[in-house]
Amino acid sequence: MVVEKKHITIEQNTEYLKRYAFLEKACMRTLAGWLPGVPEWEAKNQIGLHTWESGDSADLIYQRLRELRTYQPERNLSDGLKLLARELDHAQNTAELIATVYLVVKKALLAAYRQHPEATWIEFDNPTVVTTEKVLPAIERQVAWAEKFFATIEQDYPGWPAWRDYIAGLLAADGGVTGTEAPATAPQRPESHELLLPWKECQRVKSWPIFDPSVDVEPDRKAEPEAHRLWRFKHYVNEMTAAETLGSILWMTPEMPWEYQYNVSRHLWDEIRHSQLGQVRVQQLGWKVEDVPQVVQIYNVMMTLPAVDQYALLTTVIEPNGMPEKSTNREHWEEIEDEISAAAVSYDWSDENFHIRWGKKWTPVLLETYGYKETPEEIAARTEAWLMENTPVKMQAKMALEAHQGGQHG
């Protein structure tokens, strides 16, 4: 007699998917919050991408859950899983972050995604199988990168195995990724793991130079085109600080709707990409990225403001103010037949248009959610005035002044 393989029920299927989505979202939030605290440049770039990819995977699973008539994907999740998500934030360094988020949680998710088609009724549940197939390539790349990169830094951060084992123990105590494995005994929490988030100052490798605002002089675009181009793309490298700011904003606004969090994760990755286009160009122009002075002051001064103020300032002031300069640079580079620079700024300009739209959409929601009495116009005016007094970058002050004189916010 042939015994048919037992498959999970539709109810069990939705519970699995709820846990998958929750863990992807937890990874997204932890990576976002930790982006400013990771000093290694390669890790910053990868974590920025993986923040958005984690959000994208969660969003794909949420879509499938809605098709399965599950509209509250975090309802009835176990306390153990929620504890795991909170504890992920309590890493103390890059090694503990990667060892837990990637080499514990994401590695376990990867195994679960690979096994899911065998667990469900593939003939009847093909949309779920397709969903797992869509999220697999990203998480495979993430885990492969983490395993390779971790080997280069683990010796720099002694003591990381205790935190890795603790997080792995929490997951095992809650029945693993699916929640159906035999629960292990809950682990004891290691000492000295206070919450470092949100980071008040962004971190860089100690040997990297720090930007000096007093010597930041913009070369004339027409008279010194080569010097101006290098100057501008050095500043593009420092859009890493915009990504870091968004990481902290995302981490500090958990009460906001999922769509907002997903949009911010994409906005964060866009700023990583803008930093990368700066890196590509300065390297093509003969510089090493580690020799570009880091404008850490932007993040550090932004973090003196509440998250709502930061988001409004970034999306309704700083980014709109920068649009005319981007158009002028594109026209200039096209005129002198610098195709690469023109293409780079064109994609930046396109991204910024979406960021401004998101700012118009989400700033009112943030104001209402966090009890502000201001209108979007009022917070834009207030934060722009604050920017003029506090920005360490002359270019930002110049753009704000030009925008204000030109009635950009009117």
Protein backbone atom coordinates (compact mmCIF):
# COMPACT_ATOMS: atom_id res chain seq x y z
CA MET A 1 0.00 0.00 0.00
CA VAL A 2 1.31 3.45 -0.94
CA VAL A 3 1.19 5.93 1.92
CA GLU A 4 0.79 9.49 0.68
CA LYS A 5 3.03 12.12 2.18
CA LYS A 6 1.35 14.29 4.78
CA HIS A 7 1.09 17.96 3.94
CA ILE A 8 0.41 20.97 6.12
CA THR A 9 -3.15 22.34 6.18
CA ILE A 10 -4.05 25.76 4.84
CA GLU A 11 -4.25 27.02 8.44
CA GLN A 12 -0.77 25.72 9.18
CA ASN A 13 0.44 27.21 5.91
CA THR A 14 -0.72 30.69 6.90
CA GLU A 15 0.95 30.36 10.30
CA TYR A 16 4.23 29.44 8.64
CA LEU A 17 3.93 32.41 6.30
CA LYS A 18 3.10 34.78 9.16
CA ARG A 19 6.28 33.75 10.93
CA TYR A 20 8.36 34.07 7.74
CA ALA A 21 7.08 37.61 7.14
CA PHE A 22 7.56 38.61 10.76
CA LEU A 23 11.17 37.44 10.77
CA GLU A 24 11.94 39.20 7.47
CA LYS A 25 10.45 42.39 8.91
CA ALA A 26 12.44 41.95 12.12
CA CYS A 27 15.65 41.58 10.10
CA MET A 28 14.74 44.67 8.07
CA ARG A 29 14.24 46.77 11.19
CA THR A 30 17.38 45.54 12.95
CA LEU A 31 19.55 46.06 9.88
CA ALA A 32 18.10 49.54 9.34
CA GLY A 33 18.70 50.56 12.93
CA TRP A 34 22.22 49.17 12.89
CA LEU A 35 23.30 50.70 9.57
CA PRO A 36 24.80 53.81 11.26
CA GLY A 37 26.58 51.68 13.87
CA VAL A 38 28.51 49.46 11.48
CA PRO A 39 31.92 51.00 10.66
CA GLU A 40 32.91 48.67 7.80
CA TRP A 41 32.13 50.26 4.43
CA GLU A 42 31.44 47.00 2.59
CA ALA A 43 29.02 45.93 5.29
CA LYS A 44 27.21 49.27 5.19
CA ASN A 45 26.61 48.90 1.47
CA GLN A 46 25.38 45.33 1.73
CA ILE A 47 23.24 45.97 4.81
CA GLY A 48 21.57 48.87 2.99
CA LEU A 49 20.61 46.56 0.12
CA HIS A 50 19.54 43.77 2.46
CA THR A 51 17.34 46.12 4.48
CA TRP A 52 15.24 46.74 1.40
CA GLU A 53 15.40 43.13 0.22
CA SER A 54 14.14 41.96 3.62
CA GLY A 55 11.27 44.43 3.34
CA ASP A 56 10.56 43.30 -0.20
CA SER A 57 10.45 39.65 0.87
CA ALA A 58 8.11 40.49 3.74
CA ASP A 59 5.87 42.43 1.36
CA LEU A 60 5.66 39.53 -1.10
CA ILE A 61 4.67 37.18 1.73
CA TYR A 62 2.09 39.68 3.01
CA GLN A 63 0.55 39.72 -0.47
CA ARG A 64 0.18 35.93 -0.40
CA LEU A 65 -1.26 36.04 3.11
CA ARG A 66 -3.96 38.47 1.94
CA GLU A 67 -4.82 36.02 -0.83
CA LEU A 68 -5.19 33.39 1.89
CA ARG A 69 -7.57 35.73 3.77
CA THR A 70 -5.07 36.67 6.47
CA TYR A 71 -5.25 40.43 6.95
CA GLN A 72 -3.59 40.73 10.38
CA PRO A 73 -0.29 38.92 9.80
CA GLU A 74 1.08 39.63 13.28
CA ARG A 75 -2.02 38.48 15.13
CA ASN A 76 -1.44 35.59 17.59
CA LEU A 77 2.28 35.37 16.94
CA SER A 78 4.12 33.81 19.86
CA ASP A 79 5.71 35.86 22.60
CA GLY A 80 8.92 33.94 21.95
CA LEU A 81 9.10 35.17 18.36
CA LYS A 82 8.43 38.76 19.45
CA LEU A 83 11.17 38.48 22.07
CA LEU A 84 13.59 37.25 19.42
CA ALA A 85 12.83 40.28 17.25
CA ARG A 86 13.45 42.68 20.14
CA GLU A 87 16.66 40.95 21.15
CA LEU A 88 18.12 41.10 17.63
CA ASP A 89 18.46 44.85 18.14
CA HIS A 90 20.71 44.30 21.19
CA ALA A 91 23.81 43.21 19.26
CA GLN A 92 26.92 45.09 20.36
CA ASN A 93 29.01 45.12 17.20
CA THR A 94 29.20 44.12 13.53
CA ALA A 95 30.12 40.51 14.27
CA GLU A 96 27.18 39.97 16.62
CA LEU A 97 24.83 41.64 14.13
CA ILE A 98 25.90 39.46 11.20
CA ALA A 99 26.20 36.27 13.25
CA THR A 100 22.60 36.61 14.45
CA VAL A 101 20.62 38.32 11.67
CA TYR A 102 22.29 36.44 8.83
CA LEU A 103 23.90 33.29 10.17
CA VAL A 104 21.06 32.40 12.53
CA VAL A 105 17.77 33.93 11.40
CA LYS A 106 18.26 34.33 7.65
CA LYS A 107 20.03 31.00 7.35
CA ALA A 108 17.08 29.33 9.09
CA LEU A 109 14.64 31.21 6.85
CA LEU A 110 16.58 30.05 3.80
CA ALA A 111 16.19 26.42 4.84
CA ALA A 112 12.48 26.94 5.49
CA TYR A 113 11.88 28.55 2.10
CA ARG A 114 13.64 25.68 0.38
CA GLN A 115 11.54 23.12 2.24
CA HIS A 116 8.19 24.87 1.91
CA PRO A 117 7.21 23.47 -1.51
CA GLU A 118 7.52 19.95 -0.06
CA ALA A 119 5.51 20.86 3.02
CA THR A 120 2.50 22.42 1.31
CA TRP A 121 0.09 21.01 -1.28
CA ILE A 122 2.09 22.16 -4.28
CA GLU A 123 -0.73 21.26 -6.69
CA PHE A 124 -3.21 23.51 -4.85
CA ASP A 125 -0.88 26.09 -3.32
CA ASN A 126 1.29 26.98 -6.28
CA PRO A 127 1.09 30.76 -5.55
CA THR A 128 2.85 30.19 -2.23
CA VAL A 129 5.50 28.10 -3.95
CA VAL A 130 6.00 30.90 -6.47
CA THR A 131 6.35 33.37 -3.58
CA THR A 132 9.06 31.29 -1.93
CA GLU A 133 10.81 30.98 -5.28
CA LYS A 134 10.77 34.78 -5.63
CA VAL A 135 12.34 35.44 -2.23
CA LEU A 136 14.95 32.67 -2.44
CA PRO A 137 17.56 34.34 -4.69
CA ALA A 138 17.90 37.40 -2.44
CA ILE A 139 18.28 35.47 0.80
CA GLU A 140 20.73 33.05 -0.83
CA ARG A 141 22.91 36.01 -1.81
CA GLN A 142 22.57 37.55 1.63
CA VAL A 143 23.66 34.43 3.49
CA ALA A 144 26.51 33.75 1.06
CA TRP A 145 27.80 37.30 1.49
CA ALA A 146 27.52 37.12 5.28
CA GLU A 147 29.42 33.85 5.50
CA LYS A 148 32.25 35.23 3.37
CA PHE A 149 32.42 38.65 5.02
CA PHE A 150 32.07 37.34 8.55
CA ALA A 151 35.27 35.34 8.16
CA THR A 152 37.15 38.62 7.58
CA ILE A 153 35.95 40.37 10.75
CA GLU A 154 35.17 37.77 13.41
CA GLN A 155 38.67 38.04 14.91
CA ASP A 156 38.12 41.78 15.43
CA TYR A 157 35.16 41.23 17.76
CA PRO A 158 35.96 38.62 20.41
CA GLY A 159 33.07 37.19 22.40
CA TRP A 160 30.49 37.15 19.60
CA PRO A 161 29.65 33.40 19.87
CA ALA A 162 27.77 33.89 23.15
CA TRP A 163 25.29 36.29 21.56
CA ARG A 164 24.96 34.13 18.45
CA ASP A 165 24.17 31.11 20.61
CA TYR A 166 21.64 33.08 22.63
CA ILE A 167 19.69 34.22 19.56
CA ALA A 168 19.85 30.70 18.08
CA GLY A 169 18.57 29.40 21.40
CA LEU A 170 15.62 31.79 21.38
CA LEU A 171 14.64 30.61 17.91
CA ALA A 172 14.97 26.95 18.92
CA ALA A 173 12.96 27.55 22.11
CA ASP A 174 10.10 28.86 19.98
CA GLY A 175 10.03 25.85 17.67
CA GLY A 176 12.31 27.20 14.94
CA VAL A 177 11.25 29.29 11.98
CA THR A 178 7.97 27.41 11.49
CA GLY A 179 7.25 27.12 15.21
CA THR A 180 6.61 23.38 14.83
CA GLU A 181 9.94 21.91 15.87
CA ALA A 182 10.31 20.40 19.34
CA PRO A 183 11.02 23.45 21.53
CA ALA A 184 14.40 23.59 23.23
CA THR A 185 15.01 25.01 26.69
CA ALA A 186 15.04 28.79 26.71
CA PRO A 187 18.62 30.11 26.84
CA GLN A 188 20.09 32.41 29.46
CA ARG A 189 20.70 35.95 28.27
CA PRO A 190 24.35 37.06 28.18
CA GLU A 191 25.22 40.08 30.29
CA SER A 192 26.22 43.52 29.04
CA HIS A 193 23.92 43.73 26.06
CA GLU A 194 22.23 47.05 26.55
CA LEU A 195 20.37 48.59 23.62
CA LEU A 196 22.65 50.82 21.53
CA LEU A 197 19.90 51.92 19.13
CA PRO A 198 19.27 54.48 17.87
CA TRP A 199 22.87 55.41 17.18
CA LYS A 200 23.47 59.06 18.06
CA GLU A 201 26.63 59.17 15.95
CA CYS A 202 27.36 57.18 12.81
CA GLN A 203 30.45 55.01 12.80
CA ARG A 204 33.36 54.81 10.36
CA VAL A 205 36.60 52.86 10.29
CA LYS A 206 38.97 54.90 12.47
CA SER A 207 41.56 55.42 9.72
CA TRP A 208 39.07 57.12 7.38
CA PRO A 209 39.30 60.95 7.16
CA ILE A 210 36.50 63.11 8.54
CA PHE A 211 35.08 66.02 6.54
CA ASP A 212 36.18 69.54 7.49
CA PRO A 213 33.41 72.04 6.62
CA SER A 214 35.82 74.98 6.80
CA VAL A 215 37.74 73.85 3.72
CA ASP A 216 34.76 72.70 1.64
CA VAL A 217 34.82 75.14 -1.27
CA GLU A 218 32.73 74.41 -4.35
CA PRO A 219 34.75 74.85 -7.56
CA ASP A 220 33.13 76.82 -10.34
CA ARG A 221 31.20 74.44 -12.57
CA LYS A 222 32.10 76.21 -15.83
CA ALA A 223 35.60 77.45 -15.07
CA GLU A 224 36.83 74.28 -13.29
CA PRO A 225 34.69 71.43 -14.66
CA GLU A 226 37.04 68.61 -13.60
CA ALA A 227 37.50 69.93 -10.06
CA HIS A 228 33.76 70.54 -9.75
CA ARG A 229 32.92 67.04 -10.94
CA LEU A 230 35.25 65.45 -8.39
CA TRP A 231 33.91 67.71 -5.63
CA ARG A 232 30.33 66.82 -6.46
CA PHE A 233 30.86 63.06 -6.56
CA LYS A 234 32.76 63.17 -3.27
CA HIS A 235 29.57 64.59 -1.81
CA TYR A 236 27.61 61.81 -3.51
CA VAL A 237 29.74 59.26 -1.64
CA ASN A 238 28.49 60.90 1.54
CA GLU A 239 24.86 60.22 0.75
CA MET A 240 25.61 57.20 2.92
CA THR A 241 24.63 59.53 5.77
CA ALA A 242 21.16 59.97 4.23
CA ALA A 243 20.78 56.18 4.20
CA GLU A 244 21.94 56.00 7.80
CA THR A 245 19.48 58.71 8.80
CA LEU A 246 16.65 56.80 7.16
CA GLY A 247 17.77 53.64 8.95
CA SER A 248 17.36 55.31 12.32
CA ILE A 249 14.08 56.94 11.24
CA LEU A 250 12.70 53.56 10.22
CA TRP A 251 13.77 51.97 13.47
CA MET A 252 12.31 54.82 15.56
CA THR A 253 8.86 54.81 13.92
CA PRO A 254 7.51 51.26 14.41
CA GLU A 255 3.95 52.50 14.93
CA MET A 256 3.68 53.57 11.29
CA PRO A 257 1.84 51.43 8.68
CA TRP A 258 3.68 48.68 6.86
CA GLU A 259 3.54 50.52 3.54
CA TYR A 260 5.47 53.42 5.09
CA GLN A 261 8.12 51.08 6.50
CA TYR A 262 8.46 49.36 3.13
CA ASN A 263 8.79 52.73 1.34
CA VAL A 264 11.43 53.91 3.81
CA SER A 265 13.41 50.70 3.32
CA ARG A 266 13.46 51.40 -0.43
CA HIS A 267 14.32 55.06 0.14
CA LEU A 268 17.23 53.91 2.31
CA TRP A 269 18.52 51.61 -0.40
CA ASP A 270 18.21 54.38 -3.00
CA GLU A 271 20.51 56.55 -0.89
CA ILE A 272 22.97 53.66 -0.67
CA ARG A 273 22.88 53.51 -4.47
CA HIS A 274 23.52 57.25 -4.70
CA SER A 275 26.55 56.82 -2.45
CA GLN A 276 27.69 53.99 -4.70
CA LEU A 277 27.37 56.08 -7.85
CA GLY A 278 29.62 58.60 -6.11
CA GLN A 279 32.06 55.84 -5.27
CA VAL A 280 32.11 54.61 -8.87
CA ARG A 281 32.85 58.07 -10.22
CA VAL A 282 35.54 59.06 -7.69
CA GLN A 283 37.29 55.75 -8.32
CA GLN A 284 37.10 56.36 -12.06
CA LEU A 285 38.63 59.77 -11.39
CA GLY A 286 41.59 58.24 -9.57
CA TRP A 287 40.51 58.33 -5.92
CA LYS A 288 40.07 55.57 -3.37
CA VAL A 289 36.79 55.68 -1.47
CA GLU A 290 38.63 55.38 1.83
CA ASP A 291 40.37 58.69 1.05
CA VAL A 292 37.10 60.63 0.65
CA PRO A 293 36.43 62.73 3.78
CA GLN A 294 33.32 61.41 5.53
CA VAL A 295 30.56 63.91 6.30
CA VAL A 296 29.46 62.17 9.49
CA GLN A 297 28.35 65.54 10.89
CA ILE A 298 25.12 65.46 8.86
CA TYR A 299 23.87 62.29 10.53
CA ASN A 300 25.08 63.36 13.95
CA VAL A 301 23.31 66.71 13.85
CA MET A 302 20.12 65.20 12.36
CA MET A 303 19.98 62.81 15.31
CA THR A 304 19.46 65.74 17.65
CA LEU A 305 15.95 65.97 16.16
CA PRO A 306 12.99 63.61 16.68
CA ALA A 307 12.38 61.06 13.92
CA VAL A 308 9.33 62.89 12.55
CA ASP A 309 11.31 66.12 12.19
CA GLN A 310 14.12 64.24 10.46
CA TYR A 311 11.80 62.65 7.93
CA ALA A 312 10.01 65.92 7.18
CA LEU A 313 13.31 67.77 6.85
CA LEU A 314 14.78 65.17 4.51
CA THR A 315 11.78 64.65 2.22
CA THR A 316 10.04 68.03 2.22
CA VAL A 317 13.07 70.33 2.47
CA ILE A 318 16.48 68.85 1.67
CA GLU A 319 15.47 66.68 -1.28
CA PRO A 320 13.20 69.26 -2.96
CA ASN A 321 15.87 71.91 -2.45
CA GLY A 322 18.41 69.78 -4.29
CA MET A 323 16.41 69.19 -7.44
CA PRO A 324 17.41 72.36 -9.38
CA GLU A 325 21.11 71.67 -8.79
CA LYS A 326 20.73 68.12 -10.11
CA SER A 327 19.09 69.37 -13.29
CA THR A 328 21.79 71.99 -13.77
CA ASN A 329 24.53 69.42 -13.31
CA ARG A 330 22.93 67.05 -15.79
CA GLU A 331 22.68 69.81 -18.41
CA HIS A 332 26.29 70.81 -17.76
CA TRP A 333 27.64 67.27 -18.05
CA GLU A 334 25.63 66.62 -21.20
CA GLU A 335 26.98 69.86 -22.63
CA ILE A 336 30.60 68.81 -22.04
CA GLU A 337 29.78 65.24 -23.18
CA ASP A 338 30.40 63.61 -19.81
CA GLU A 339 27.92 60.82 -20.46
CA ILE A 340 28.73 58.83 -17.30
CA SER A 341 28.19 61.72 -14.89
CA ALA A 342 25.01 62.79 -16.68
CA ALA A 343 23.62 59.25 -16.45
CA ALA A 344 24.46 59.00 -12.75
CA VAL A 345 22.71 62.24 -11.81
CA SER A 346 19.73 61.34 -14.02
CA TYR A 347 18.99 58.22 -12.00
CA ASP A 348 19.53 60.13 -8.77
CA TRP A 349 17.05 62.78 -9.95
CA SER A 350 14.47 60.13 -10.81
CA ASP A 351 14.80 58.50 -7.37
CA GLU A 352 14.49 61.83 -5.59
CA ASN A 353 11.17 62.53 -7.29
CA PHE A 354 9.73 59.43 -5.65
CA HIS A 355 11.23 60.35 -2.29
CA ILE A 356 9.53 63.74 -2.44
CA ARG A 357 6.21 62.05 -3.27
CA TRP A 358 6.64 59.74 -0.29
CA GLY A 359 7.40 62.76 1.87
CA LYS A 360 4.15 64.41 0.83
CA LYS A 361 2.27 61.18 1.53
CA TRP A 362 3.81 60.15 4.84
CA THR A 363 4.68 63.42 6.59
CA PRO A 364 0.99 64.13 7.40
CA VAL A 365 0.59 60.55 8.69
CA LEU A 366 3.68 60.88 10.86
CA LEU A 367 2.42 64.19 12.26
CA GLU A 368 -0.93 62.62 13.16
CA THR A 369 0.53 59.37 14.48
CA TYR A 370 2.96 61.10 16.83
CA GLY A 371 0.66 63.88 17.98
CA TYR A 372 2.13 66.91 16.22
CA LYS A 373 -0.09 69.98 15.90
CA GLU A 374 1.82 71.37 12.91
CA THR A 375 0.81 71.15 9.28
CA PRO A 376 3.27 69.69 6.76
CA GLU A 377 3.95 73.24 5.56
CA GLU A 378 4.69 74.43 9.08
CA ILE A 379 7.11 71.62 9.91
CA ALA A 380 8.86 72.17 6.57
CA ALA A 381 9.33 75.86 7.35
CA ARG A 382 10.51 75.14 10.91
CA THR A 383 12.98 72.44 9.94
CA GLU A 384 14.31 74.47 7.02
CA ALA A 385 15.08 77.31 9.43
CA TRP A 386 16.77 74.79 11.71
CA LEU A 387 18.80 73.49 8.76
CA MET A 388 20.08 76.94 7.90
CA GLU A 389 21.42 77.28 11.43
CA ASN A 390 22.76 73.76 11.94
CA THR A 391 23.89 72.13 8.70
CA PRO A 392 27.63 71.46 8.54
CA VAL A 393 27.54 71.44 4.73
CA LYS A 394 27.63 74.74 2.86
CA MET A 395 25.97 73.13 -0.16
CA GLN A 396 22.83 72.32 1.88
CA ALA A 397 22.64 75.88 3.20
CA LYS A 398 23.10 77.29 -0.30
CA MET A 399 20.34 75.08 -1.71
CA ALA A 400 18.00 76.02 1.15
CA LEU A 401 18.67 79.71 0.63
CA GLU A 402 18.12 79.49 -3.12
CA ALA A 403 14.94 77.45 -2.67
CA HIS A 404 13.61 79.86 -0.07
CA GLN A 405 14.35 82.88 -2.24
CA GLY A 406 12.76 81.14 -5.19
CA GLY A 407 9.60 80.22 -3.28
CA GLN A 408 10.15 76.47 -3.57
CA HIS A 409 7.94 75.82 -0.53
CA GLY A 410 5.31 78.30 -1.44
